[in-house]
């Protein structure tokens, strides 16, 4: 059971880290106006695969061409909201439920 707890904590901390990377990307796009900034590029490099994944699954989350040069386009529209809500409301509780069922059934 100790190994299961360690795996659970690893997955939970990884999901929290990803969530904070998304929040950091949005904040850096508000605060840092230079698109060639190292910190901003770091956040974009780590979160871009997640953003592309969400854009492929939810096509409505893409920003339209007329809004590309607005602040809504800068944060990529609904993508960060979908990611944060997906992690915080769906994935983390789902993992807790799965681990709880495993622990209860195999005690």
PDB file of N, CA and C in Angstrom:
ATOM      1  N   UNK A   1       0.808  -1.199   0.000  1.00  0.00           N
ATOM      2  CA  UNK A   1       0.000   0.000   0.000  1.00  0.00           C
ATOM      3  C   UNK A   1       0.853   1.266   0.000  1.00  0.00           C
ATOM      4  N   UNK A   2       2.050   1.163   0.550  1.00  0.00           N
ATOM      5  CA  UNK A   2       2.921   2.329   0.600  1.00  0.00           C
ATOM      6  C   UNK A   2       3.345   2.778  -0.808  1.00  0.00           C
ATOM      7  N   UNK A   3       3.556   1.799  -1.688  1.00  0.00           N
ATOM      8  CA  UNK A   3       3.931   2.132  -3.065  1.00  0.00           C
ATOM      9  C   UNK A   3       2.779   2.846  -3.763  1.00  0.00           C
ATOM     10  N   UNK A   4       1.561   2.401  -3.518  1.00  0.00           N
ATOM     11  CA  UNK A   4       0.393   3.036  -4.119  1.00  0.00           C
ATOM     12  C   UNK A   4       0.264   4.488  -3.654  1.00  0.00           C
ATOM     13  N   UNK A   5       0.523   4.726  -2.376  1.00  0.00           N
ATOM     14  CA  UNK A   5       0.479   6.099  -1.864  1.00  0.00           C
ATOM     15  C   UNK A   5       1.543   6.966  -2.528  1.00  0.00           C
ATOM     16  N   UNK A   6       2.728   6.413  -2.711  1.00  0.00           N
ATOM     17  CA  UNK A   6       3.805   7.166  -3.357  1.00  0.00           C
ATOM     18  C   UNK A   6       3.458   7.494  -4.808  1.00  0.00           C
ATOM     19  N   UNK A   7       2.873   6.540  -5.517  1.00  0.00           N
ATOM     20  CA  UNK A   7       2.449   6.783  -6.899  1.00  0.00           C
ATOM     21  C   UNK A   7       1.362   7.850  -6.936  1.00  0.00           C
ATOM     22  N   UNK A   8       0.423   7.765  -6.000  1.00  0.00           N
ATOM     23  CA  UNK A   8      -0.637   8.761  -5.925  1.00  0.00           C
ATOM     24  C   UNK A   8      -0.055  10.156  -5.696  1.00  0.00           C
ATOM     25  N   UNK A   9       0.858  10.292  -4.752  1.00  0.00           N
ATOM     26  CA  UNK A   9       1.465  11.600  -4.485  1.00  0.00           C
ATOM     27  C   UNK A   9       2.250  12.107  -5.686  1.00  0.00           C
ATOM     28  N   UNK A  10       2.942  11.219  -6.385  1.00  0.00           N
ATOM     29  CA  UNK A  10       3.694  11.622  -7.563  1.00  0.00           C
ATOM     30  C   UNK A  10       2.761  12.162  -8.640  1.00  0.00           C
ATOM     31  N   UNK A  11       1.666  11.453  -8.898  1.00  0.00           N
ATOM     32  CA  UNK A  11       0.705  11.905  -9.909  1.00  0.00           C
ATOM     33  C   UNK A  11       0.038  13.206  -9.477  1.00  0.00           C
ATOM     34  N   UNK A  12      -0.323  13.309  -8.209  1.00  0.00           N
ATOM     35  CA  UNK A  12      -0.978  14.509  -7.696  1.00  0.00           C
ATOM     36  C   UNK A  12      -0.062  15.724  -7.795  1.00  0.00           C
ATOM     37  N   UNK A  13       1.188  15.584  -7.385  1.00  0.00           N
ATOM     38  CA  UNK A  13       2.129  16.702  -7.470  1.00  0.00           C
ATOM     39  C   UNK A  13       2.424  17.071  -8.914  1.00  0.00           C
ATOM     40  N   UNK A  14       2.471  16.098  -9.800  1.00  0.00           N
ATOM     41  CA  UNK A  14       2.694  16.389 -11.212  1.00  0.00           C
ATOM     42  C   UNK A  14       1.532  17.182 -11.790  1.00  0.00           C
ATOM     43  N   UNK A  15       0.310  16.795 -11.461  1.00  0.00           N
ATOM     44  CA  UNK A  15      -0.857  17.535 -11.930  1.00  0.00           C
ATOM     45  C   UNK A  15      -0.887  18.960 -11.376  1.00  0.00           C
ATOM     46  N   UNK A  16      -0.516  19.110 -10.111  1.00  0.00           N
ATOM     47  CA  UNK A  16      -0.455  20.453  -9.526  1.00  0.00           C
ATOM     48  C   UNK A  16       0.626  21.289 -10.204  1.00  0.00           C
ATOM     49  N   UNK A  17       1.768  20.675 -10.512  1.00  0.00           N
ATOM     50  CA  UNK A  17       2.839  21.387 -11.187  1.00  0.00           C
ATOM     51  C   UNK A  17       2.396  21.856 -12.570  1.00  0.00           C
ATOM     52  N   UNK A  18       1.702  20.993 -13.299  1.00  0.00           N
ATOM     53  CA  UNK A  18       1.197  21.361 -14.620  1.00  0.00           C
ATOM     54  C   UNK A  18       0.197  22.510 -14.510  1.00  0.00           C
ATOM     55  N   UNK A  19      -0.670  22.446 -13.504  1.00  0.00           N
ATOM     56  CA  UNK A  19      -1.645  23.506 -13.308  1.00  0.00           C
ATOM     57  C   UNK A  19      -0.947  24.842 -13.044  1.00  0.00           C
ATOM     58  N   UNK A  20       0.093  24.830 -12.222  1.00  0.00           N
ATOM     59  CA  UNK A  20       0.809  26.069 -11.934  1.00  0.00           C
ATOM     60  C   UNK A  20       1.630  26.552 -13.127  1.00  0.00           C
ATOM     61  N   UNK A  21       2.068  25.635 -13.986  1.00  0.00           N
ATOM     62  CA  UNK A  21       2.728  26.054 -15.223  1.00  0.00           C
ATOM     63  C   UNK A  21       1.749  26.810 -16.125  1.00  0.00           C
ATOM     64  N   UNK A  22       0.527  26.335 -16.205  1.00  0.00           N
ATOM     65  CA  UNK A  22      -0.485  27.011 -17.020  1.00  0.00           C
ATOM     66  C   UNK A  22      -0.789  28.382 -16.429  1.00  0.00           C
ATOM     67  N   UNK A  23      -0.937  28.460 -15.129  1.00  0.00           N
ATOM     68  CA  UNK A  23      -1.179  29.756 -14.480  1.00  0.00           C
ATOM     69  C   UNK A  23       0.017  30.682 -14.694  1.00  0.00           C
ATOM     70  N   UNK A  24       1.224  30.152 -14.604  1.00  0.00           N
ATOM     71  CA  UNK A  24       2.420  30.950 -14.850  1.00  0.00           C
ATOM     72  C   UNK A  24       2.496  31.463 -16.275  1.00  0.00           C
ATOM     73  N   UNK A  25       2.054  30.630 -17.233  1.00  0.00           N
ATOM     74  CA  UNK A  25       2.062  31.084 -18.626  1.00  0.00           C
ATOM     75  C   UNK A  25       1.103  32.249 -18.818  1.00  0.00           C
ATOM     76  N   UNK A  26      -0.100  32.138 -18.268  1.00  0.00           N
ATOM     77  CA  UNK A  26      -1.074  33.219 -18.404  1.00  0.00           C
ATOM     78  C   UNK A  26      -0.559  34.486 -17.725  1.00  0.00           C
ATOM     79  N   UNK A  27      -0.014  34.338 -16.524  1.00  0.00           N
ATOM     80  CA  UNK A  27       0.502  35.511 -15.804  1.00  0.00           C
ATOM     81  C   UNK A  27       1.677  36.139 -16.537  1.00  0.00           C
ATOM     82  N   UNK A  28       2.565  35.322 -17.087  1.00  0.00           N
ATOM     83  CA  UNK A  28       3.716  35.881 -17.798  1.00  0.00           C
ATOM     84  C   UNK A  28       3.296  36.592 -19.072  1.00  0.00           C
ATOM     85  N   UNK A  29       2.222  36.146 -19.699  1.00  0.00           N
ATOM     86  CA  UNK A  29       1.753  36.837 -20.896  1.00  0.00           C
ATOM     87  C   UNK A  29       1.111  38.176 -20.550  1.00  0.00           C
ATOM     88  N   UNK A  30       0.565  38.304 -19.344  1.00  0.00           N
ATOM     89  CA  UNK A  30       0.038  39.595 -18.906  1.00  0.00           C
ATOM     90  C   UNK A  30       1.154  40.545 -18.495  1.00  0.00           C
ATOM     91  N   UNK A  31       2.146  40.033 -17.789  1.00  0.00           N
ATOM     92  CA  UNK A  31       3.166  40.882 -17.180  1.00  0.00           C
ATOM     93  C   UNK A  31       4.319  41.193 -18.133  1.00  0.00           C
ATOM     94  N   UNK A  32       4.785  40.201 -18.873  1.00  0.00           N
ATOM     95  CA  UNK A  32       5.963  40.371 -19.726  1.00  0.00           C
ATOM     96  C   UNK A  32       5.499  40.663 -21.145  1.00  0.00           C
ATOM     97  N   UNK A  33       5.799  41.861 -21.621  1.00  0.00           N
ATOM     98  CA  UNK A  33       5.332  42.242 -22.952  1.00  0.00           C
ATOM     99  C   UNK A  33       6.275  41.771 -24.061  1.00  0.00           C
ATOM    100  N   UNK A  34       7.517  41.480 -23.736  1.00  0.00           N
ATOM    101  CA  UNK A  34       8.483  41.035 -24.726  1.00  0.00           C
ATOM    102  C   UNK A  34       8.274  39.550 -25.019  1.00  0.00           C
ATOM    103  N   UNK A  35       7.900  39.185 -26.261  1.00  0.00           N
ATOM    104  CA  UNK A  35       7.663  37.762 -26.559  1.00  0.00           C
ATOM    105  C   UNK A  35       8.941  36.930 -26.597  1.00  0.00           C
ATOM    106  N   UNK A  36      10.106  37.554 -26.602  1.00  0.00           N
ATOM    107  CA  UNK A  36      11.380  36.830 -26.633  1.00  0.00           C
ATOM    108  C   UNK A  36      12.013  36.671 -25.255  1.00  0.00           C
ATOM    109  N   UNK A  37      11.260  36.965 -24.215  1.00  0.00           N
ATOM    110  CA  UNK A  37      11.766  36.833 -22.856  1.00  0.00           C
ATOM    111  C   UNK A  37      11.992  35.360 -22.515  1.00  0.00           C
ATOM    112  N   UNK A  38      13.067  35.078 -21.781  1.00  0.00           N
ATOM    113  CA  UNK A  38      13.437  33.704 -21.458  1.00  0.00           C
ATOM    114  C   UNK A  38      12.379  33.033 -20.584  1.00  0.00           C
ATOM    115  N   UNK A  39      11.896  33.721 -19.579  1.00  0.00           N
ATOM    116  CA  UNK A  39      10.896  33.148 -18.672  1.00  0.00           C
ATOM    117  C   UNK A  39       9.597  32.857 -19.420  1.00  0.00           C
ATOM    118  N   UNK A  40       9.174  33.790 -20.214  1.00  0.00           N
ATOM    119  CA  UNK A  40       7.940  33.595 -20.989  1.00  0.00           C
ATOM    120  C   UNK A  40       8.089  32.429 -21.965  1.00  0.00           C
ATOM    121  N   UNK A  41       9.233  32.341 -22.628  1.00  0.00           N
ATOM    122  CA  UNK A  41       9.481  31.221 -23.545  1.00  0.00           C
ATOM    123  C   UNK A  41       9.541  29.891 -22.813  1.00  0.00           C
ATOM    124  N   UNK A  42      10.057  29.892 -21.595  1.00  0.00           N
ATOM    125  CA  UNK A  42      10.108  28.668 -20.798  1.00  0.00           C
ATOM    126  C   UNK A  42       8.702  28.149 -20.504  1.00  0.00           C
ATOM    127  N   UNK A  43       7.817  29.043 -20.057  1.00  0.00           N
ATOM    128  CA  UNK A  43       6.435  28.647 -19.794  1.00  0.00           C
ATOM    129  C   UNK A  43       5.756  28.162 -21.072  1.00  0.00           C
ATOM    130  N   UNK A  44       5.991  28.857 -22.175  1.00  0.00           N
ATOM    131  CA  UNK A  44       5.354  28.465 -23.433  1.00  0.00           C
ATOM    132  C   UNK A  44       5.870  27.118 -23.924  1.00  0.00           C
ATOM    133  N   UNK A  45       7.139  26.875 -23.776  1.00  0.00           N
ATOM    134  CA  UNK A  45       7.717  25.615 -24.242  1.00  0.00           C
ATOM    135  C   UNK A  45       7.155  24.419 -23.472  1.00  0.00           C
ATOM    136  N   UNK A  46       6.971  24.561 -22.176  1.00  0.00           N
ATOM    137  CA  UNK A  46       6.470  23.447 -21.375  1.00  0.00           C
ATOM    138  C   UNK A  46       4.963  23.231 -21.512  1.00  0.00           C
ATOM    139  N   UNK A  47       4.225  24.296 -21.783  1.00  0.00           N
ATOM    140  CA  UNK A  47       2.770  24.147 -21.831  1.00  0.00           C
ATOM    141  C   UNK A  47       2.210  24.015 -23.239  1.00  0.00           C
ATOM    142  N   UNK A  48       2.996  24.273 -24.259  1.00  0.00           N
ATOM    143  CA  UNK A  48       2.484  24.224 -25.631  1.00  0.00           C
ATOM    144  C   UNK A  48       1.933  22.853 -26.029  1.00  0.00           C
ATOM    145  N   UNK A  49       2.568  21.723 -25.654  1.00  0.00           N
ATOM    146  CA  UNK A  49       1.941  20.426 -25.991  1.00  0.00           C
ATOM    147  C   UNK A  49       0.561  20.241 -25.367  1.00  0.00           C
ATOM    148  N   UNK A  50       0.384  20.717 -24.138  1.00  0.00           N
ATOM    149  CA  UNK A  50      -0.937  20.637 -23.496  1.00  0.00           C
ATOM    150  C   UNK A  50      -1.950  21.523 -24.208  1.00  0.00           C
ATOM    151  N   UNK A  51      -1.519  22.723 -24.586  1.00  0.00           N
ATOM    152  CA  UNK A  51      -2.407  23.641 -25.292  1.00  0.00           C
ATOM    153  C   UNK A  51      -2.838  23.039 -26.628  1.00  0.00           C
ATOM    154  N   UNK A  52      -1.897  22.452 -27.369  1.00  0.00           N
ATOM    155  CA  UNK A  52      -2.246  21.833 -28.650  1.00  0.00           C
ATOM    156  C   UNK A  52      -3.185  20.650 -28.463  1.00  0.00           C
ATOM    157  N   UNK A  53      -2.973  19.875 -27.420  1.00  0.00           N
ATOM    158  CA  UNK A  53      -3.845  18.741 -27.120  1.00  0.00           C
ATOM    159  C   UNK A  53      -5.275  19.204 -26.856  1.00  0.00           C
ATOM    160  N   UNK A  54      -5.426  20.246 -26.045  1.00  0.00           N
ATOM    161  CA  UNK A  54      -6.751  20.781 -25.728  1.00  0.00           C
ATOM    162  C   UNK A  54      -7.397  21.400 -26.970  1.00  0.00           C
ATOM    163  N   UNK A  55      -6.616  22.092 -27.793  1.00  0.00           N
ATOM    164  CA  UNK A  55      -7.169  22.683 -29.011  1.00  0.00           C
ATOM    165  C   UNK A  55      -7.660  21.612 -29.979  1.00  0.00           C
ATOM    166  N   UNK A  56      -6.992  20.458 -30.009  1.00  0.00           N
ATOM    167  CA  UNK A  56      -7.448  19.376 -30.883  1.00  0.00           C
ATOM    168  C   UNK A  56      -8.705  18.697 -30.349  1.00  0.00           C
ATOM    169  N   UNK A  57      -8.815  18.559 -29.044  1.00  0.00           N
ATOM    170  CA  UNK A  57      -9.989  17.909 -28.448  1.00  0.00           C
ATOM    171  C   UNK A  57     -11.201  18.841 -28.461  1.00  0.00           C
ATOM    172  N   UNK A  58     -10.978  20.100 -28.092  1.00  0.00           N
ATOM    173  CA  UNK A  58     -12.065  21.081 -28.017  1.00  0.00           C
ATOM    174  C   UNK A  58     -11.827  22.186 -29.048  1.00  0.00           C
ATOM    175  N   UNK A  59     -12.321  22.033 -30.263  1.00  0.00           N
ATOM    176  CA  UNK A  59     -12.076  23.047 -31.297  1.00  0.00           C
ATOM    177  C   UNK A  59     -12.676  24.419 -30.960  1.00  0.00           C
ATOM    178  N   UNK A  60     -13.719  24.458 -30.133  1.00  0.00           N
ATOM    179  CA  UNK A  60     -14.322  25.741 -29.769  1.00  0.00           C
ATOM    180  C   UNK A  60     -13.402  26.586 -28.891  1.00  0.00           C
ATOM    181  N   UNK A  61     -12.352  25.987 -28.338  1.00  0.00           N
ATOM    182  CA  UNK A  61     -11.454  26.734 -27.460  1.00  0.00           C
ATOM    183  C   UNK A  61     -10.443  27.580 -28.234  1.00  0.00           C
ATOM    184  N   UNK A  62     -10.348  27.377 -29.532  1.00  0.00           N
ATOM    185  CA  UNK A  62      -9.414  28.151 -30.353  1.00  0.00           C
ATOM    186  C   UNK A  62      -9.893  29.600 -30.469  1.00  0.00           C
ATOM    187  N   UNK A  63      -8.929  30.491 -30.608  1.00  0.00           N
ATOM    188  CA  UNK A  63      -9.228  31.911 -30.747  1.00  0.00           C
ATOM    189  C   UNK A  63      -9.452  32.215 -32.221  1.00  0.00           C
ATOM    190  N   UNK A  64     -10.502  32.961 -32.524  1.00  0.00           N
ATOM    191  CA  UNK A  64     -10.792  33.309 -33.909  1.00  0.00           C
ATOM    192  C   UNK A  64      -9.746  34.304 -34.420  1.00  0.00           C
ATOM    193  N   UNK A  65      -9.653  34.413 -35.742  1.00  0.00           N
ATOM    194  CA  UNK A  65      -8.627  35.262 -36.364  1.00  0.00           C
ATOM    195  C   UNK A  65      -8.792  36.740 -35.997  1.00  0.00           C
ATOM    196  N   UNK A  66     -10.022  37.221 -35.875  1.00  0.00           N
ATOM    197  CA  UNK A  66     -10.204  38.638 -35.554  1.00  0.00           C
ATOM    198  C   UNK A  66      -9.841  38.968 -34.108  1.00  0.00           C
ATOM    199  N   UNK A  67      -9.736  37.961 -33.238  1.00  0.00           N
ATOM    200  CA  UNK A  67      -9.372  38.209 -31.841  1.00  0.00           C
ATOM    201  C   UNK A  67      -7.934  37.803 -31.530  1.00  0.00           C
ATOM    202  N   UNK A  68      -7.156  37.432 -32.529  1.00  0.00           N
ATOM    203  CA  UNK A  68      -5.775  36.967 -32.315  1.00  0.00           C
ATOM    204  C   UNK A  68      -4.901  38.030 -31.650  1.00  0.00           C
ATOM    205  N   UNK A  69      -5.103  39.296 -31.965  1.00  0.00           N
ATOM    206  CA  UNK A  69      -4.233  40.358 -31.466  1.00  0.00           C
ATOM    207  C   UNK A  69      -4.813  41.086 -30.263  1.00  0.00           C
ATOM    208  N   UNK A  70      -5.757  40.474 -29.602  1.00  0.00           N
ATOM    209  CA  UNK A  70      -6.302  41.039 -28.375  1.00  0.00           C
ATOM    210  C   UNK A  70      -5.733  40.276 -27.178  1.00  0.00           C
ATOM    211  N   UNK A  71      -6.112  40.670 -25.991  1.00  0.00           N
ATOM    212  CA  UNK A  71      -5.646  39.966 -24.791  1.00  0.00           C
ATOM    213  C   UNK A  71      -6.231  38.551 -24.737  1.00  0.00           C
ATOM    214  N   UNK A  72      -7.438  38.388 -25.262  1.00  0.00           N
ATOM    215  CA  UNK A  72      -8.045  37.049 -25.317  1.00  0.00           C
ATOM    216  C   UNK A  72      -7.200  36.132 -26.196  1.00  0.00           C
ATOM    217  N   UNK A  73      -6.664  36.658 -27.256  1.00  0.00           N
ATOM    218  CA  UNK A  73      -5.786  35.882 -28.124  1.00  0.00           C
ATOM    219  C   UNK A  73      -4.435  35.627 -27.489  1.00  0.00           C
ATOM    220  N   UNK A  74      -3.977  36.555 -26.666  1.00  0.00           N
ATOM    221  CA  UNK A  74      -2.671  36.396 -26.017  1.00  0.00           C
ATOM    222  C   UNK A  74      -2.676  35.243 -25.019  1.00  0.00           C
ATOM    223  N   UNK A  75      -3.782  35.050 -24.324  1.00  0.00           N
ATOM    224  CA  UNK A  75      -3.836  33.942 -23.360  1.00  0.00           C
ATOM    225  C   UNK A  75      -4.381  32.666 -23.972  1.00  0.00           C
ATOM    226  N   UNK A  76      -4.654  32.689 -25.286  1.00  0.00           N
ATOM    227  CA  UNK A  76      -5.160  31.533 -26.034  1.00  0.00           C
ATOM    228  C   UNK A  76      -6.580  31.152 -25.668  1.00  0.00           C
ATOM    229  N   UNK A  77      -7.398  32.109 -25.361  1.00  0.00           N
ATOM    230  CA  UNK A  77      -8.825  31.883 -25.180  1.00  0.00           C
ATOM    231  C   UNK A  77      -9.188  30.998 -24.012  1.00  0.00           C
ATOM    232  N   UNK A  78      -9.968  29.975 -24.290  1.00  0.00           N
ATOM    233  CA  UNK A  78     -10.482  29.091 -23.240  1.00  0.00           C
ATOM    234  C   UNK A  78      -9.518  27.979 -22.841  1.00  0.00           C
ATOM    235  N   UNK A  79      -8.414  27.839 -23.538  1.00  0.00           N
ATOM    236  CA  UNK A  79      -7.515  26.708 -23.288  1.00  0.00           C
ATOM    237  C   UNK A  79      -7.011  26.666 -21.842  1.00  0.00           C
ATOM    238  N   UNK A  80      -6.479  27.760 -21.263  1.00  0.00           N
ATOM    239  CA  UNK A  80      -6.011  27.656 -19.875  1.00  0.00           C
ATOM    240  C   UNK A  80      -7.138  27.381 -18.886  1.00  0.00           C
ATOM    241  N   UNK A  81      -8.317  27.911 -19.164  1.00  0.00           N
ATOM    242  CA  UNK A  81      -9.455  27.667 -18.271  1.00  0.00           C
ATOM    243  C   UNK A  81      -9.840  26.196 -18.304  1.00  0.00           C
ATOM    244  N   UNK A  82      -9.885  25.615 -19.503  1.00  0.00           N
ATOM    245  CA  UNK A  82     -10.223  24.195 -19.631  1.00  0.00           C
ATOM    246  C   UNK A  82      -9.174  23.336 -18.945  1.00  0.00           C
ATOM    247  N   UNK A  83      -7.900  23.672 -19.112  1.00  0.00           N
ATOM    248  CA  UNK A  83      -6.837  22.888 -18.474  1.00  0.00           C
ATOM    249  C   UNK A  83      -6.910  22.946 -16.961  1.00  0.00           C
ATOM    250  N   UNK A  84      -7.054  24.132 -16.423  1.00  0.00           N
ATOM    251  CA  UNK A  84      -7.071  24.278 -14.961  1.00  0.00           C
ATOM    252  C   UNK A  84      -8.305  23.603 -14.364  1.00  0.00           C
ATOM    253  N   UNK A  85      -9.466  23.826 -14.967  1.00  0.00           N
ATOM    254  CA  UNK A  85     -10.675  23.174 -14.455  1.00  0.00           C
ATOM    255  C   UNK A  85     -10.598  21.663 -14.626  1.00  0.00           C
ATOM    256  N   UNK A  86     -10.050  21.212 -15.738  1.00  0.00           N
ATOM    257  CA  UNK A  86      -9.917  19.777 -15.956  1.00  0.00           C
ATOM    258  C   UNK A  86      -9.029  19.113 -14.932  1.00  0.00           C
ATOM    259  N   UNK A  87      -7.938  19.762 -14.601  1.00  0.00           N
ATOM    260  CA  UNK A  87      -7.018  19.191 -13.607  1.00  0.00           C
ATOM    261  C   UNK A  87      -7.616  19.275 -12.217  1.00  0.00           C
ATOM    262  N   UNK A  88      -8.111  20.449 -11.851  1.00  0.00           N
ATOM    263  CA  UNK A  88      -8.536  20.685 -10.472  1.00  0.00           C
ATOM    264  C   UNK A  88      -9.871  20.040 -10.137  1.00  0.00           C
ATOM    265  N   UNK A  89     -10.799  19.994 -11.098  1.00  0.00           N
ATOM    266  CA  UNK A  89     -12.136  19.491 -10.806  1.00  0.00           C
ATOM    267  C   UNK A  89     -12.322  18.038 -11.224  1.00  0.00           C
ATOM    268  N   UNK A  90     -11.647  17.596 -12.275  1.00  0.00           N
ATOM    269  CA  UNK A  90     -11.882  16.243 -12.784  1.00  0.00           C
ATOM    270  C   UNK A  90     -10.747  15.285 -12.430  1.00  0.00           C
ATOM    271  N   UNK A  91      -9.519  15.597 -12.827  1.00  0.00           N
ATOM    272  CA  UNK A  91      -8.431  14.624 -12.697  1.00  0.00           C
ATOM    273  C   UNK A  91      -8.017  14.339 -11.259  1.00  0.00           C
ATOM    274  N   UNK A  92      -7.780  15.373 -10.474  1.00  0.00           N
ATOM    275  CA  UNK A  92      -7.325  15.138  -9.098  1.00  0.00           C
ATOM    276  C   UNK A  92      -8.357  14.379  -8.268  1.00  0.00           C
ATOM    277  N   UNK A  93      -9.644  14.759  -8.267  1.00  0.00           N
ATOM    278  CA  UNK A  93     -10.618  13.951  -7.518  1.00  0.00           C
ATOM    279  C   UNK A  93     -10.781  12.538  -8.072  1.00  0.00           C
ATOM    280  N   UNK A  94     -10.683  12.383  -9.389  1.00  0.00           N
ATOM    281  CA  UNK A  94     -10.790  11.058  -9.990  1.00  0.00           C
ATOM    282  C   UNK A  94      -9.663  10.145  -9.517  1.00  0.00           C
ATOM    283  N   UNK A  95      -8.468  10.672  -9.441  1.00  0.00           N
ATOM    284  CA  UNK A  95      -7.339   9.878  -8.950  1.00  0.00           C
ATOM    285  C   UNK A  95      -7.532   9.520  -7.487  1.00  0.00           C
ATOM    286  N   UNK A  96      -8.039  10.454  -6.686  1.00  0.00           N
ATOM    287  CA  UNK A  96      -8.306  10.153  -5.272  1.00  0.00           C
ATOM    288  C   UNK A  96      -9.339   9.042  -5.126  1.00  0.00           C
ATOM    289  N   UNK A  97     -10.374   9.074  -5.950  1.00  0.00           N
ATOM    290  CA  UNK A  97     -11.405   8.036  -5.894  1.00  0.00           C
ATOM    291  C   UNK A  97     -10.826   6.684  -6.278  1.00  0.00           C
ATOM    292  N   UNK A  98     -10.050   6.648  -7.348  1.00  0.00           N
ATOM    293  CA  UNK A  98      -9.458   5.385  -7.796  1.00  0.00           C
ATOM    294  C   UNK A  98      -8.540   4.798  -6.735  1.00  0.00           C
ATOM    295  N   UNK A  99      -7.685   5.622  -6.158  1.00  0.00           N
ATOM    296  CA  UNK A  99      -6.776   5.141  -5.108  1.00  0.00           C
ATOM    297  C   UNK A  99      -7.568   4.708  -3.878  1.00  0.00           C
ATOM    298  N   UNK A 100      -8.607   5.442  -3.516  1.00  0.00           N
ATOM    299  CA  UNK A 100      -9.427   5.064  -2.370  1.00  0.00           C
ATOM    300  C   UNK A 100     -10.123   3.728  -2.575  1.00  0.00           C
ATOM    301  N   UNK A 101     -10.619   3.473  -3.770  1.00  0.00           N
ATOM    302  CA  UNK A 101     -11.269   2.193  -4.064  1.00  0.00           C
ATOM    303  C   UNK A 101     -10.258   1.059  -4.005  1.00  0.00           C
ATOM    304  N   UNK A 102      -9.079   1.278  -4.550  1.00  0.00           N
ATOM    305  CA  UNK A 102      -8.038   0.241  -4.513  1.00  0.00           C
ATOM    306  C   UNK A 102      -7.616  -0.069  -3.098  1.00  0.00           C
ATOM    307  N   UNK A 103      -7.423   0.969  -2.292  1.00  0.00           N
ATOM    308  CA  UNK A 103      -6.988   0.758  -0.908  1.00  0.00           C
ATOM    309  C   UNK A 103      -8.068   0.027  -0.109  1.00  0.00           C
ATOM    310  N   UNK A 104      -9.324   0.408  -0.277  1.00  0.00           N
ATOM    311  CA  UNK A 104     -10.404  -0.219   0.477  1.00  0.00           C
ATOM    312  C   UNK A 104     -10.590  -1.697   0.046  1.00  0.00           C
ATOM    313  N   UNK A 105     -10.529  -1.962  -1.243  1.00  0.00           N
ATOM    314  CA  UNK A 105     -10.773  -3.311  -1.740  1.00  0.00           C
ATOM    315  C   UNK A 105      -9.624  -4.286  -1.493  1.00  0.00           C
ATOM    316  N   UNK A 106      -8.424  -3.800  -1.328  1.00  0.00           N
ATOM    317  CA  UNK A 106      -7.280  -4.706  -1.171  1.00  0.00           C
ATOM    318  C   UNK A 106      -6.647  -4.659   0.199  1.00  0.00           C
ATOM    319  N   UNK A 107      -7.359  -4.128   1.183  1.00  0.00           N
ATOM    320  CA  UNK A 107      -6.833  -4.100   2.554  1.00  0.00           C
ATOM    321  C   UNK A 107      -6.951  -5.423   3.214  1.00  0.00           C
TER     322      UNK A 107
END
